[in-house]
Protein backbone atom coordinates (compact mmCIF):
# COMPACT_ATOMS: atom_id res chain seq x y z
CA MET A 1 -36.91 -13.52 -108.67
CA LYS A 2 -36.00 -10.27 -110.13
CA ALA A 3 -34.33 -9.09 -106.93
CA ASP A 4 -32.74 -12.19 -106.50
CA ARG A 5 -31.04 -11.95 -109.40
CA SER A 6 -30.22 -8.36 -109.28
CA ARG A 7 -28.83 -8.76 -106.17
CA SER A 8 -26.61 -11.85 -107.24
CA GLU A 9 -25.69 -10.04 -109.43
CA ALA A 10 -24.49 -6.95 -107.55
CA LEU A 11 -22.51 -10.23 -105.80
CA SER A 12 -20.75 -10.95 -109.13
CA ALA A 13 -19.18 -7.60 -109.78
CA LEU A 14 -17.20 -8.09 -106.46
CA PRO A 15 -13.62 -7.87 -106.38
CA PRO A 16 -11.92 -11.42 -105.67
CA GLU A 17 -10.19 -9.89 -102.22
CA PHE A 18 -14.08 -9.43 -100.94
CA TYR A 19 -15.45 -12.49 -102.00
CA PRO A 20 -15.83 -15.28 -99.09
CA ALA A 21 -12.08 -16.51 -98.67
CA PRO A 22 -11.82 -20.50 -99.35
CA ARG A 23 -9.76 -21.29 -96.43
CA SER A 24 -12.40 -22.90 -93.65
CA VAL A 25 -13.23 -22.92 -89.84
CA LYS A 26 -13.94 -26.55 -89.19
CA PRO A 27 -14.92 -28.15 -85.74
CA ARG A 28 -12.40 -29.38 -83.70
CA SER A 29 -12.64 -33.21 -83.74
CA ARG A 30 -8.97 -34.72 -81.76
CA GLN A 31 -9.21 -35.71 -78.43
CA TYR A 32 -6.76 -34.53 -75.63
CA GLU A 33 -5.34 -36.56 -72.96
CA THR A 34 -5.10 -36.20 -69.52
CA LEU A 35 -1.72 -35.45 -67.76
CA PRO A 36 -0.91 -36.23 -63.95
CA VAL A 37 -0.17 -32.39 -62.36
CA ILE A 38 3.35 -31.19 -60.47
CA ALA A 39 3.39 -27.89 -58.74
CA VAL A 40 6.83 -26.49 -58.41
CA SER A 41 7.27 -23.28 -56.01
CA GLY A 42 11.07 -22.61 -54.76
CA ASP A 43 12.65 -25.79 -54.65
CA GLU A 44 9.90 -27.85 -53.35
CA VAL A 45 7.76 -30.45 -55.54
CA LEU A 46 4.69 -31.58 -54.65
CA THR A 47 2.71 -34.58 -57.22
CA GLU A 48 -1.04 -34.47 -57.16
CA ASP A 49 -0.32 -37.79 -55.64
CA GLY A 50 1.33 -36.04 -52.23
CA GLU A 51 4.21 -37.13 -52.52
CA LEU A 52 7.46 -34.51 -52.10
CA TRP A 53 10.39 -33.80 -53.84
CA THR A 54 13.22 -31.89 -54.30
CA LEU A 55 13.61 -29.95 -57.59
CA ALA A 56 17.09 -31.46 -57.69
CA GLU A 57 14.44 -34.98 -57.22
CA LEU A 58 13.01 -34.05 -60.14
CA VAL A 59 15.59 -32.99 -62.06
CA GLN A 60 16.66 -36.67 -61.90
CA ARG A 61 13.43 -38.53 -62.38
CA LEU A 62 12.52 -35.86 -65.55
CA PRO A 63 13.65 -38.06 -67.96
CA LYS A 64 12.11 -41.12 -66.92
CA LEU A 65 9.14 -39.35 -65.97
CA PRO A 66 5.60 -39.97 -68.28
CA PRO A 67 3.83 -36.60 -70.07
CA ILE A 68 3.54 -33.90 -66.80
CA LEU A 69 1.10 -31.02 -66.40
CA PHE A 70 3.66 -28.26 -64.40
CA VAL A 71 2.10 -25.72 -62.68
CA THR A 72 4.72 -22.94 -60.99
CA VAL A 73 5.08 -19.15 -60.85
CA GLY A 74 7.70 -18.34 -62.58
CA ALA A 75 7.70 -20.94 -65.81
CA ALA A 76 10.33 -19.72 -67.99
CA ASP A 77 12.73 -19.26 -64.96
CA LEU A 78 11.94 -23.18 -64.15
CA PHE A 79 12.31 -23.76 -68.08
CA SER A 80 16.17 -22.70 -67.51
CA TYR A 81 16.55 -24.44 -64.55
CA PHE A 82 15.87 -28.32 -67.01
CA ASP A 83 18.12 -26.57 -70.07
CA ALA A 84 21.15 -25.95 -68.39
CA ALA A 85 20.96 -29.23 -66.88
CA TYR A 86 20.36 -31.70 -70.13
CA ALA A 87 20.99 -28.77 -73.07
CA SER A 88 23.64 -31.16 -74.22
CA ASN A 89 21.34 -33.96 -75.12
CA PRO A 90 20.15 -34.18 -78.31
CA SER A 91 16.81 -35.47 -77.32
CA TRP A 92 15.96 -32.46 -75.74
CA GLN A 93 13.46 -30.15 -77.07
CA ALA A 94 11.01 -27.34 -76.46
CA ARG A 95 8.97 -24.99 -77.57
CA LEU A 96 8.13 -21.02 -76.33
CA SER A 97 7.03 -17.57 -77.66
CA ASP A 98 7.36 -14.62 -76.21
CA HIS A 99 4.62 -11.83 -76.62
CA GLN A 100 4.97 -7.91 -75.67
CA ARG A 101 2.51 -5.78 -75.57
CA THR A 102 2.18 -2.48 -74.24
CA VAL A 103 0.62 -1.11 -70.62
CA PRO A 104 0.07 2.65 -69.40
CA LYS A 105 2.10 3.10 -66.34
CA SER A 106 -0.19 5.36 -64.23
CA HIS A 107 2.20 8.03 -61.84
CA PRO A 108 1.15 10.29 -59.39
CA ASP A 109 1.73 13.43 -61.60
CA ARG A 110 -1.09 12.01 -63.13
CA ARG A 111 0.59 11.29 -66.44
CA VAL A 112 0.03 7.95 -67.87
CA ARG A 113 2.85 6.95 -70.22
CA ARG A 114 3.50 3.61 -71.82
CA ALA A 115 5.68 0.81 -70.92
CA GLY A 116 6.24 -2.72 -72.82
CA ARG A 117 5.52 -5.40 -70.83
CA VAL A 118 7.22 -9.04 -72.55
CA THR A 119 5.99 -12.01 -71.62
CA ILE A 120 7.08 -15.50 -72.11
CA ALA A 121 5.13 -18.47 -72.80
CA VAL A 122 5.92 -22.20 -72.56
CA HIS A 123 3.91 -24.35 -74.50
CA TRP A 124 5.56 -28.12 -74.66
CA PHE A 125 9.22 -29.32 -73.56
CA GLY A 126 10.57 -32.70 -73.15
CA PHE A 127 13.06 -35.14 -75.13
CA LYS A 128 11.71 -36.54 -78.42
CA SER A 129 10.61 -39.72 -78.24
CA GLY A 130 6.64 -39.83 -79.70
CA PRO A 131 4.01 -37.57 -81.17
CA ARG A 132 2.69 -36.49 -77.84
CA SER A 133 5.65 -37.58 -75.69
CA TYR A 134 6.14 -33.36 -73.70
CA HIS A 135 5.62 -32.01 -70.82
CA ARG A 136 2.77 -28.86 -70.42
CA MET A 137 3.29 -25.71 -68.35
CA ILE A 138 0.95 -23.51 -66.88
CA ASP A 139 1.66 -19.97 -64.80
CA PRO A 140 -0.90 -17.75 -63.30
CA ILE A 141 1.80 -14.63 -64.16
CA THR A 142 1.74 -15.66 -67.65
CA MET A 143 -1.89 -16.90 -67.64
CA TYR A 144 -3.90 -13.77 -65.96
CA GLN A 145 -1.05 -11.83 -65.18
CA ASP A 146 -1.30 -12.19 -62.18
CA GLY A 147 -0.11 -13.92 -59.16
CA ILE A 148 -1.42 -17.14 -57.36
CA ARG A 149 -3.40 -15.13 -54.09
CA LYS A 150 -5.41 -13.41 -56.14
CA ILE A 151 -6.78 -16.39 -58.79
CA CYS A 152 -6.85 -19.11 -56.00
CA PRO A 153 -6.79 -17.53 -52.65
CA GLY A 154 -6.85 -18.63 -49.13
CA ASP A 155 -3.92 -19.92 -46.94
CA ASP A 156 -3.02 -22.64 -47.83
CA PRO A 157 1.16 -22.06 -49.06
CA GLU A 158 1.65 -21.37 -52.49
CA ILE A 159 2.74 -24.59 -53.98
CA ILE A 160 -0.79 -25.96 -52.82
CA ARG A 161 -3.10 -23.37 -54.28
CA LEU A 162 -0.90 -24.16 -57.40
CA LEU A 163 -1.83 -27.82 -57.51
CA ARG A 164 -4.96 -26.46 -56.77
CA TRP A 165 -5.49 -24.44 -59.68
CA ALA A 166 -3.58 -26.79 -62.02
CA VAL A 167 -5.90 -29.49 -61.07
CA ILE A 168 -8.88 -27.52 -61.45
CA LEU A 169 -8.10 -26.32 -64.43
CA ARG A 170 -7.29 -29.68 -66.19
CA ASP A 171 -10.11 -31.00 -65.20
CA PHE A 172 -12.49 -28.24 -66.65
CA CYS A 173 -10.38 -28.32 -70.20
CA ALA A 174 -10.53 -32.44 -70.15
CA GLU A 175 -14.24 -31.92 -69.56
CA ASN A 176 -14.87 -29.66 -72.55
CA ASN A 177 -12.35 -31.12 -74.65
CA LEU A 178 -9.84 -28.48 -74.40
CA GLU A 179 -6.28 -28.88 -75.30
CA VAL A 180 -4.62 -26.93 -72.02
CA ARG A 181 -2.44 -24.64 -72.87
CA PRO A 182 -0.10 -21.58 -71.09
CA THR A 183 -2.53 -18.76 -72.38
CA MET A 184 -6.41 -18.11 -71.55
CA GLY A 185 -6.89 -16.97 -75.42
CA GLY A 186 -4.74 -20.65 -76.19
CA ILE A 187 -7.66 -22.46 -73.95
CA SER A 188 -10.38 -20.28 -75.08
CA SER A 189 -10.34 -19.43 -78.96
CA GLN A 190 -10.76 -23.60 -79.08
CA LEU A 191 -14.30 -22.95 -78.10
CA LEU A 192 -14.42 -20.60 -81.18
CA THR A 193 -14.47 -24.15 -83.71
CA ASP A 194 -15.83 -26.90 -80.76
CA SER A 195 -18.05 -28.79 -82.67
CA ARG A 196 -20.90 -28.03 -79.86
CA PHE A 197 -21.45 -24.74 -80.83
CA TYR A 198 -19.81 -25.05 -84.62
CA PRO A 199 -21.20 -28.30 -85.99
CA ASN A 200 -20.16 -27.49 -89.63
CA ALA A 201 -17.42 -26.01 -90.90
CA ARG A 202 -17.95 -22.56 -91.88
CA ARG A 203 -16.30 -20.11 -93.87
CA LYS A 204 -13.03 -17.79 -92.85
CA VAL A 205 -13.97 -13.81 -92.95
CA PRO A 206 -12.14 -12.18 -95.58
CA VAL A 207 -9.54 -10.37 -94.60
CA LYS A 208 -9.99 -7.12 -95.63
CA THR A 209 -13.46 -7.10 -93.94
CA ASN A 210 -11.51 -7.59 -90.50
CA GLU A 211 -8.92 -5.16 -91.40
CA ARG A 212 -12.25 -2.30 -91.85
CA ALA A 213 -13.76 -3.70 -88.94
CA ARG A 214 -10.28 -3.47 -86.85
CA GLU A 215 -10.82 0.29 -87.65
CA TRP A 216 -13.48 1.11 -86.10
CA LEU A 217 -13.49 -1.45 -82.76
CA PRO A 218 -16.47 0.78 -80.16
CA GLY A 219 -13.15 -0.15 -76.67
CA ASN A 220 -14.62 0.95 -73.71
CA TYR A 221 -16.51 4.30 -73.40
CA TYR A 222 -15.83 7.02 -70.71
CA LYS A 223 -16.88 9.65 -69.73
CA LEU A 224 -16.94 12.56 -67.00
CA ASN A 225 -19.94 14.81 -65.64
CA VAL A 226 -17.91 16.31 -62.73
CA ILE A 227 -14.76 18.28 -62.85
CA PRO A 228 -12.01 16.10 -60.53
CA SER A 229 -10.86 17.67 -57.98
CA PRO A 230 -8.73 16.69 -54.46
CA ASP A 231 -11.35 18.67 -52.11
CA ARG A 232 -14.26 16.87 -53.38
CA SER A 233 -15.59 13.58 -53.21
CA TYR A 234 -19.38 11.62 -53.49
CA THR A 235 -20.97 9.25 -52.11
CA ALA A 236 -21.73 7.40 -55.15
CA TYR A 237 -23.51 3.66 -55.65
CA GLU A 238 -21.61 1.57 -58.08
CA LEU A 239 -24.10 0.36 -60.98
CA ASP A 240 -22.84 -2.24 -63.65
CA GLN A 241 -23.65 -4.87 -66.08
CA HIS A 242 -23.81 -7.42 -64.96
CA ARG A 243 -21.71 -10.61 -67.16
CA ALA A 244 -21.75 -7.73 -69.63
CA HIS A 245 -20.58 -9.42 -72.46
CA HIS A 246 -22.16 -12.90 -72.29
CA TYR A 247 -25.40 -11.40 -71.99
CA HIS A 248 -25.37 -9.02 -75.05
CA ALA A 249 -23.33 -11.91 -76.87
CA GLN A 250 -26.25 -14.30 -75.88
CA ARG A 251 -28.79 -11.86 -77.42
CA LEU A 252 -27.21 -10.18 -79.95
CA ARG A 253 -27.84 -11.64 -84.11
CA PHE A 254 -24.33 -11.83 -85.53
CA PRO A 255 -23.79 -11.70 -89.41
CA HIS A 256 -23.31 -14.93 -90.53
CA ALA A 257 -19.68 -15.88 -92.29
CA ASP A 258 -20.85 -17.82 -95.05
CA HIS A 259 -22.76 -14.90 -96.58
CA LEU A 260 -20.22 -12.26 -95.80
CA TYR A 261 -19.60 -9.54 -97.76
CA ALA A 262 -18.93 -6.35 -98.37
CA TYR A 263 -22.12 -3.79 -100.37
CA GLY A 264 -22.16 -0.26 -102.09
CA TYR A 265 -18.94 2.04 -102.29
CA PHE A 266 -16.54 0.07 -99.82
CA ARG A 267 -13.47 0.84 -101.27
CA ASN A 268 -13.62 4.70 -101.27
CA LEU A 269 -16.62 5.72 -99.32
CA SER A 270 -17.82 8.56 -102.18
CA ASP A 271 -21.40 8.18 -102.83
CA TYR A 272 -24.80 6.21 -100.99
CA TYR A 273 -25.45 3.12 -102.13
CA ARG A 274 -28.94 2.98 -100.54
CA ASP A 275 -31.01 5.23 -98.56
CA LYS A 276 -32.28 4.01 -94.99
CA PRO A 277 -30.80 0.65 -93.38
CA SER A 278 -31.79 -2.72 -94.24
CA PRO A 279 -33.65 -3.97 -90.97
CA ASP A 280 -33.02 -7.33 -91.31
CA PHE A 281 -29.14 -6.69 -91.98
CA MET A 282 -26.46 -7.30 -89.40
CA GLY A 283 -22.67 -6.08 -89.48
CA LEU A 284 -21.27 -1.97 -89.80
CA TYR A 285 -22.28 0.88 -91.32
CA CYS A 286 -20.61 3.53 -93.08
CA LEU A 287 -23.07 6.35 -93.24
CA ASP A 288 -24.03 9.72 -93.08
CA LEU A 289 -26.48 11.00 -90.09
CA LEU A 290 -28.15 14.41 -89.01
CA PRO A 291 -27.76 14.84 -85.18
CA PRO A 292 -31.02 15.24 -83.22
CA ARG A 293 -32.11 18.86 -83.19
CA PHE A 294 -33.07 18.98 -79.69
CA GLY A 295 -31.67 16.64 -76.45
CA ARG A 296 -28.13 15.53 -76.05
CA ALA A 297 -25.96 13.82 -78.67
CA TYR A 298 -24.52 10.97 -79.02
CA ALA A 299 -20.44 12.51 -78.15
CA TRP A 300 -18.37 9.83 -79.33
CA LEU A 301 -20.18 10.11 -82.55
CA GLY A 302 -19.51 13.78 -82.69
CA VAL A 303 -21.34 17.65 -82.08
CA ASP A 304 -21.48 18.23 -86.08
CA ARG A 305 -24.60 19.95 -87.25
CA GLN A 306 -24.48 16.99 -90.04
CA LEU A 307 -21.95 13.68 -89.16
CA ALA A 308 -20.33 12.38 -92.44
CA TYR A 309 -18.50 9.04 -92.83
CA ARG A 310 -19.55 7.63 -89.69
CA PHE A 311 -19.28 3.91 -88.58
CA VAL A 312 -22.28 2.44 -86.81
CA HIS A 313 -23.03 -1.37 -85.50
CA THR A 314 -26.47 -2.16 -86.63
CA ASN A 315 -26.62 -3.53 -83.39
CA GLU A 316 -26.95 0.40 -81.59
CA LEU A 317 -28.74 2.40 -84.50
CA SER A 318 -32.23 1.66 -82.83
CA HIS A 319 -30.86 3.76 -80.57
CA LEU A 320 -29.67 5.95 -82.54
CA LEU A 321 -32.96 6.92 -83.89
CA ASP A 322 -34.64 6.72 -81.04
CA ILE A 323 -32.91 9.74 -79.38
CA GLY A 324 -33.57 11.48 -82.32
CA TYR A 325 -30.31 10.81 -84.50
CA LYS A 326 -31.45 10.51 -88.83
CA VAL A 327 -30.04 8.42 -92.00
CA LEU A 328 -29.07 10.55 -94.64
CA GLY A 329 -27.51 7.73 -96.51
CA ILE A 330 -25.54 5.13 -96.53
CA ARG A 331 -22.04 4.70 -98.23
CA ALA A 332 -21.08 1.37 -97.63
CA ALA A 333 -21.66 -1.52 -95.47
CA TRP A 334 -20.06 -4.55 -94.28
CA GLY A 335 -22.18 -8.09 -92.69
CA SER A 336 -25.14 -10.42 -93.90
CA HIS A 337 -28.65 -10.78 -94.50
CA HIS A 338 -28.18 -14.33 -92.35
CA ARG A 339 -27.56 -14.93 -88.57
CA ASP A 340 -24.80 -16.89 -87.40
CA THR A 341 -26.08 -18.61 -84.20
CA GLY A 342 -22.94 -20.03 -82.94
CA LEU A 343 -21.23 -17.46 -80.79
CA ASN A 344 -24.95 -17.21 -78.84
CA ARG A 345 -24.12 -20.28 -78.07
CA VAL A 346 -21.04 -19.98 -76.80
CA ALA A 347 -21.84 -17.59 -74.59
CA GLU A 348 -25.04 -19.43 -73.24
CA TRP A 349 -22.29 -22.47 -72.23
CA CYS A 350 -20.21 -19.30 -70.59
CA CYS A 351 -22.95 -18.36 -68.31
CA GLU A 352 -23.54 -21.75 -67.75
CA GLN A 353 -20.09 -22.17 -66.44
CA LEU A 354 -20.14 -19.58 -64.14
CA ASP A 355 -23.11 -20.40 -62.30
CA ARG A 356 -21.50 -23.54 -61.33
CA TYR A 357 -18.60 -22.94 -60.86
CA ASP A 358 -19.79 -20.08 -58.98
CA ASP A 359 -18.02 -17.00 -60.36
CA ALA A 360 -14.63 -18.73 -59.45
CA ARG A 361 -11.68 -15.77 -60.17
CA TRP A 362 -9.70 -18.30 -62.31
CA LEU A 363 -12.49 -19.18 -64.63
CA LYS A 364 -14.09 -15.54 -65.23
CA PRO A 365 -11.32 -14.02 -67.25
CA LEU A 366 -10.60 -17.27 -68.99
CA LEU A 367 -14.12 -17.59 -70.89
CA LEU A 368 -14.86 -13.53 -71.43
CA SER A 369 -10.73 -13.50 -73.55
CA THR A 370 -13.33 -15.30 -75.57
CA TYR A 371 -14.32 -12.34 -77.32
CA GLY A 372 -11.21 -11.04 -77.34
CA SER A 373 -9.98 -13.76 -80.09
CA LEU A 374 -12.55 -12.72 -81.89
CA ALA A 375 -10.43 -9.85 -82.61
CA CYS A 376 -7.33 -11.74 -82.96
CA ARG A 377 -4.15 -10.06 -85.67
CA ALA A 378 -1.94 -11.58 -87.94
CA THR A 379 0.60 -12.84 -86.85
CA ASN A 380 4.30 -14.82 -88.49
CA ALA A 381 3.76 -17.09 -86.11
CA GLU A 382 6.98 -16.40 -83.90
CA ALA A 383 8.27 -19.72 -81.53
CA ILE A 384 11.86 -20.11 -80.31
CA PHE A 385 12.28 -24.08 -80.58
CA LYS A 386 15.71 -25.60 -78.70
CA ARG A 387 16.35 -27.10 -81.38
CA ALA A 388 15.44 -26.11 -85.63
CA LYS A 389 17.26 -26.68 -88.76
CA GLY A 390 16.68 -22.64 -89.39
CA GLY A 391 15.98 -19.50 -87.37
CA THR A 392 17.88 -17.29 -85.69
CA GLU A 393 19.76 -18.36 -82.53
CA THR A 394 18.15 -16.00 -79.69
CA LEU A 395 19.48 -15.73 -76.46
CA ILE A 396 15.73 -15.01 -73.94
CA LEU A 397 15.88 -13.62 -70.58
CA THR A 398 13.39 -15.02 -68.00
CA GLY A 399 14.03 -13.31 -65.04
CA SER A 400 16.88 -14.23 -63.06
CA ARG A 401 17.93 -16.70 -66.36
CA SER A 402 18.67 -17.25 -69.35
CA PHE A 403 18.76 -19.69 -72.39
CA VAL A 404 19.79 -20.04 -75.54
CA GLY A 405 16.97 -21.32 -78.91
CA LYS A 406 16.20 -20.65 -82.29
CA ARG A 407 13.60 -17.51 -83.09
CA VAL A 408 11.88 -19.36 -86.16
CA ARG A 409 9.23 -17.06 -88.14
CA ARG A 410 6.70 -17.85 -90.58
CA PRO A 411 7.44 -16.10 -94.17
CA GLN A 412 3.81 -14.34 -94.59
CA LYS A 413 1.21 -13.52 -91.82
CA LEU A 414 -1.65 -15.42 -91.61
CA GLU A 415 -5.58 -14.91 -89.67
CA PRO A 416 -6.45 -17.78 -87.81
CA GLY A 417 -9.12 -18.94 -89.31
CA PHE A 418 -11.50 -17.91 -86.31
CA VAL A 419 -11.28 -14.84 -86.21
CA ASN A 420 -14.01 -12.65 -86.51
CA VAL A 421 -13.95 -9.31 -86.05
CA LEU A 422 -17.60 -7.72 -86.46
CA GLN A 423 -18.88 -10.38 -84.14
CA ARG A 424 -16.55 -9.30 -81.26
CA GLY A 425 -17.39 -4.62 -82.56
CA MET A 426 -21.02 -5.59 -82.13
CA ILE A 427 -21.12 -6.91 -78.57
CA GLU A 428 -18.51 -3.91 -77.93
CA ALA A 429 -21.40 -1.53 -79.48
CA ALA A 430 -23.76 -3.24 -77.56
CA THR A 431 -22.37 -2.63 -73.69
CA ARG A 432 -21.47 0.94 -74.89
CA SER A 433 -24.88 2.09 -75.88
CA GLU A 434 -26.62 -0.62 -72.75
CA THR A 435 -24.25 2.01 -70.42
CA ILE A 436 -25.34 4.71 -72.62
CA GLY A 437 -28.85 4.03 -72.88
CA CYS A 438 -29.06 3.57 -69.16
CA ALA A 439 -27.30 7.11 -67.94
CA GLN A 440 -29.94 8.63 -69.98
CA TYR A 441 -32.51 6.59 -68.69
CA LEU A 442 -31.21 7.79 -64.79
CA GLU A 443 -30.28 11.27 -65.93
CA HIS A 444 -34.04 12.02 -67.44
CA MET A 445 -35.19 9.68 -63.77
CA GLY A 446 -33.34 12.87 -62.03
CA GLN A 447 -30.56 10.72 -60.71
CA ARG A 448 -26.93 12.34 -60.91
CA VAL A 449 -24.23 10.19 -62.90
CA LEU A 450 -21.12 11.01 -62.28
CA HIS A 451 -19.02 8.83 -63.82
CA VAL A 452 -19.85 7.01 -67.29
CA TYR A 453 -16.77 4.04 -67.09
CA ALA A 454 -17.03 1.38 -69.33
CA ASP A 455 -19.51 -1.18 -68.36
CA ALA A 456 -20.30 0.93 -65.11
CA LEU A 457 -22.29 3.80 -63.47
CA PHE A 458 -21.13 5.61 -60.79
CA VAL A 459 -24.55 7.82 -59.29
CA GLU A 460 -24.54 9.90 -57.26
CA PHE A 461 -26.75 8.59 -53.91
CA SER A 462 -29.67 11.21 -52.36
CA ASP A 463 -31.77 10.10 -49.78
CA GLU A 464 -34.70 12.21 -51.22
CA LEU A 465 -34.63 10.41 -54.51
CA PRO A 466 -33.58 6.63 -54.61
CA LEU A 467 -32.43 5.41 -57.67
CA PRO A 468 -35.50 3.73 -59.76
CA ILE A 469 -35.39 -0.33 -60.65
CA LEU A 470 -32.81 -1.10 -63.00
CA PRO A 471 -33.47 -3.30 -66.16
CA GLU A 472 -31.93 -5.78 -67.44
CA PRO A 473 -28.80 -6.81 -66.87
CA TRP A 474 -27.80 -3.81 -64.10
CA ARG A 475 -27.01 -4.43 -60.77
CA ILE A 476 -25.73 -1.92 -57.41
CA LYS A 477 -22.46 -3.40 -56.95
CA ARG A 478 -21.25 -1.84 -54.34
CA GLU A 479 -21.40 1.44 -52.53
CA HIS A 480 -18.45 3.83 -52.67
CA THR A 481 -17.59 6.41 -49.92
CA HIS A 482 -15.40 9.50 -50.34
CA PHE A 483 -15.21 8.46 -54.04
CA CYS A 484 -13.11 10.93 -56.00
CA PRO A 485 -13.13 10.48 -60.02
CA GLU A 486 -9.28 11.28 -60.88
CA SER A 487 -9.81 11.02 -64.87
CA MET A 488 -11.89 9.68 -67.41
CA GLN A 489 -10.77 6.03 -66.11
CA ALA A 490 -9.54 6.47 -62.66
CA TYR A 491 -10.77 7.13 -59.03
CA THR A 492 -10.26 6.20 -55.45
CA SER A 493 -12.63 5.49 -53.33
CA ASP A 494 -12.16 4.09 -49.53
CA GLN A 495 -14.14 0.70 -51.49
CA ALA A 496 -11.50 0.58 -54.30
CA THR A 497 -8.95 1.84 -56.17
CA LYS A 498 -8.89 2.24 -60.34
CA ARG A 499 -6.24 3.58 -61.87
CA PRO A 500 -5.28 1.59 -65.35
CA GLY A 501 -1.89 0.24 -65.06
CA GLY A 502 -0.67 1.64 -61.33
CA HIS A 503 -0.89 1.08 -57.99
CA ALA A 504 -2.89 1.95 -55.19
CA PRO A 505 -2.19 4.36 -53.02
CA HIS A 506 0.21 4.92 -50.32
CA ASP A 507 -2.07 7.47 -48.29
CA ARG A 508 -5.25 5.67 -49.65
CA ARG A 509 -8.12 6.06 -46.96
CA MET A 510 -9.17 3.98 -44.38
CA MET A 511 -12.69 3.12 -44.51
CA ALA A 512 -15.42 4.82 -42.29
CA VAL A 513 -16.51 2.86 -39.48
CA GLY A 514 -19.81 3.29 -37.91
CA ARG A 515 -21.80 4.27 -41.12
CA PRO A 516 -24.65 2.54 -42.01
CA SER A 517 -24.41 1.06 -45.28
CA ARG A 518 -28.18 1.22 -47.33
CA LEU A 519 -27.16 -1.62 -49.71
CA SER A 520 -30.29 -3.47 -48.26
CA ARG A 521 -32.82 -0.89 -47.90
CA LEU A 522 -31.93 0.20 -52.03
CA SER A 523 -32.25 -3.50 -52.90
CA LEU A 524 -35.81 -3.63 -52.06
CA VAL A 525 -36.56 0.09 -53.44
CA THR A 526 -34.69 -1.45 -57.34
CA ASP A 527 -36.11 -5.07 -56.60
CA LYS A 528 -33.31 -6.65 -57.78
CA GLY A 529 -31.16 -9.86 -54.82
CA LEU A 530 -27.51 -8.37 -53.73
CA LYS A 531 -24.76 -11.71 -54.81
């Protein structure tokens, strides 16, 4: 009782900005309408019933059509085509948004430059005759940053593949009471307020806590153990964590938003508030560490003899202690002693859907983006309307066309209620810790790890020393011949090329012919089936 009283007194001393925010995240209860699908490719229009129209015929019929889910490549261009035909109609209305993101561009000289990419999403459009009378539109380029050929492969014409993908996506969303939206995050973020996983309302994570956790998001971890050289290549096995983010999100103990607090000297990190970590605490620590006296240190923490002000997620602390690190003291902590199981259920459901749809290419990135939504930033929620009382008149370039709309923005930035950067950081930290731990295990077993690549490892093949049994979630993904690492994040081989933001080289080597694959023999050694 005395310990509980002292803890409640300590919590009451916290400044107001670190109390749980009064905003609550409520489970969604709305039912969404299932819309018929129409695909548009060039001048061809194909309905779900099999009717074939021209684009001119579609323009004539559009005012009398019920709400439709349109699918096309180049949604903004198609909308601007409609806008040119109906701009003078006073009931014509639309809502679009444009998102600019920075992408790396690789060049032959191996320098990486930054470039901006603007994506325009068409949320709804049509003639104002009721609250739910608008059409919707989806585009594989807007949603996946990729063409329909990769999302829905096959030899059928593009318009048929577009229709097939849209119907499957619509039926998937209808079955799970999700609204079809033009972006992956727009669809997947609805899972974070789904009553199947979050049956009760929960408090929103304080903005200050999210901002602090966002500073220390682990991100992808890369390490190159060989010196890159165009004259040196390897035969290597690529090992990867199967469904890495889903795997860890199923098993992690996440802090509960209703009991989330900041502890210690979280403002200035000036002193220790406790000596040792609590075994039941979940979240983020700021602490001082003493690195191991012998053996290899954890590279991202640094190589100083005393490591001060290091931010470590609780789920990777046990790995650090196992390899010899010692905690000198804890300066601050952000998290909870109460567990939230909602995200565990989301991850379990995602794996069930991937099994059901046989890891479909359209579904994998969609479900994976759920975890990305946990770290969304606060925005002014800008939108472009065809007609609005306020806002700024804006010319929008859509590619080969353009249109004029009103840009409206919220006066203050607001963070989505489902944002929980601590949970996102713990998933990334678990992936990083798992990768480094497996690399350490393989090196201990005598293997040569060439490249540590996010949630994958490249291990040099050796006839004399086969791979040991791989623990879950590791699997052998493929064999690489003429594997040639170029940098921390880039490599080439006969089987694959990875250059973030770049393209496959024109002088890519052909696959070796007549060389027997060792994967089937290795699968017996590792006791893992190949898929």
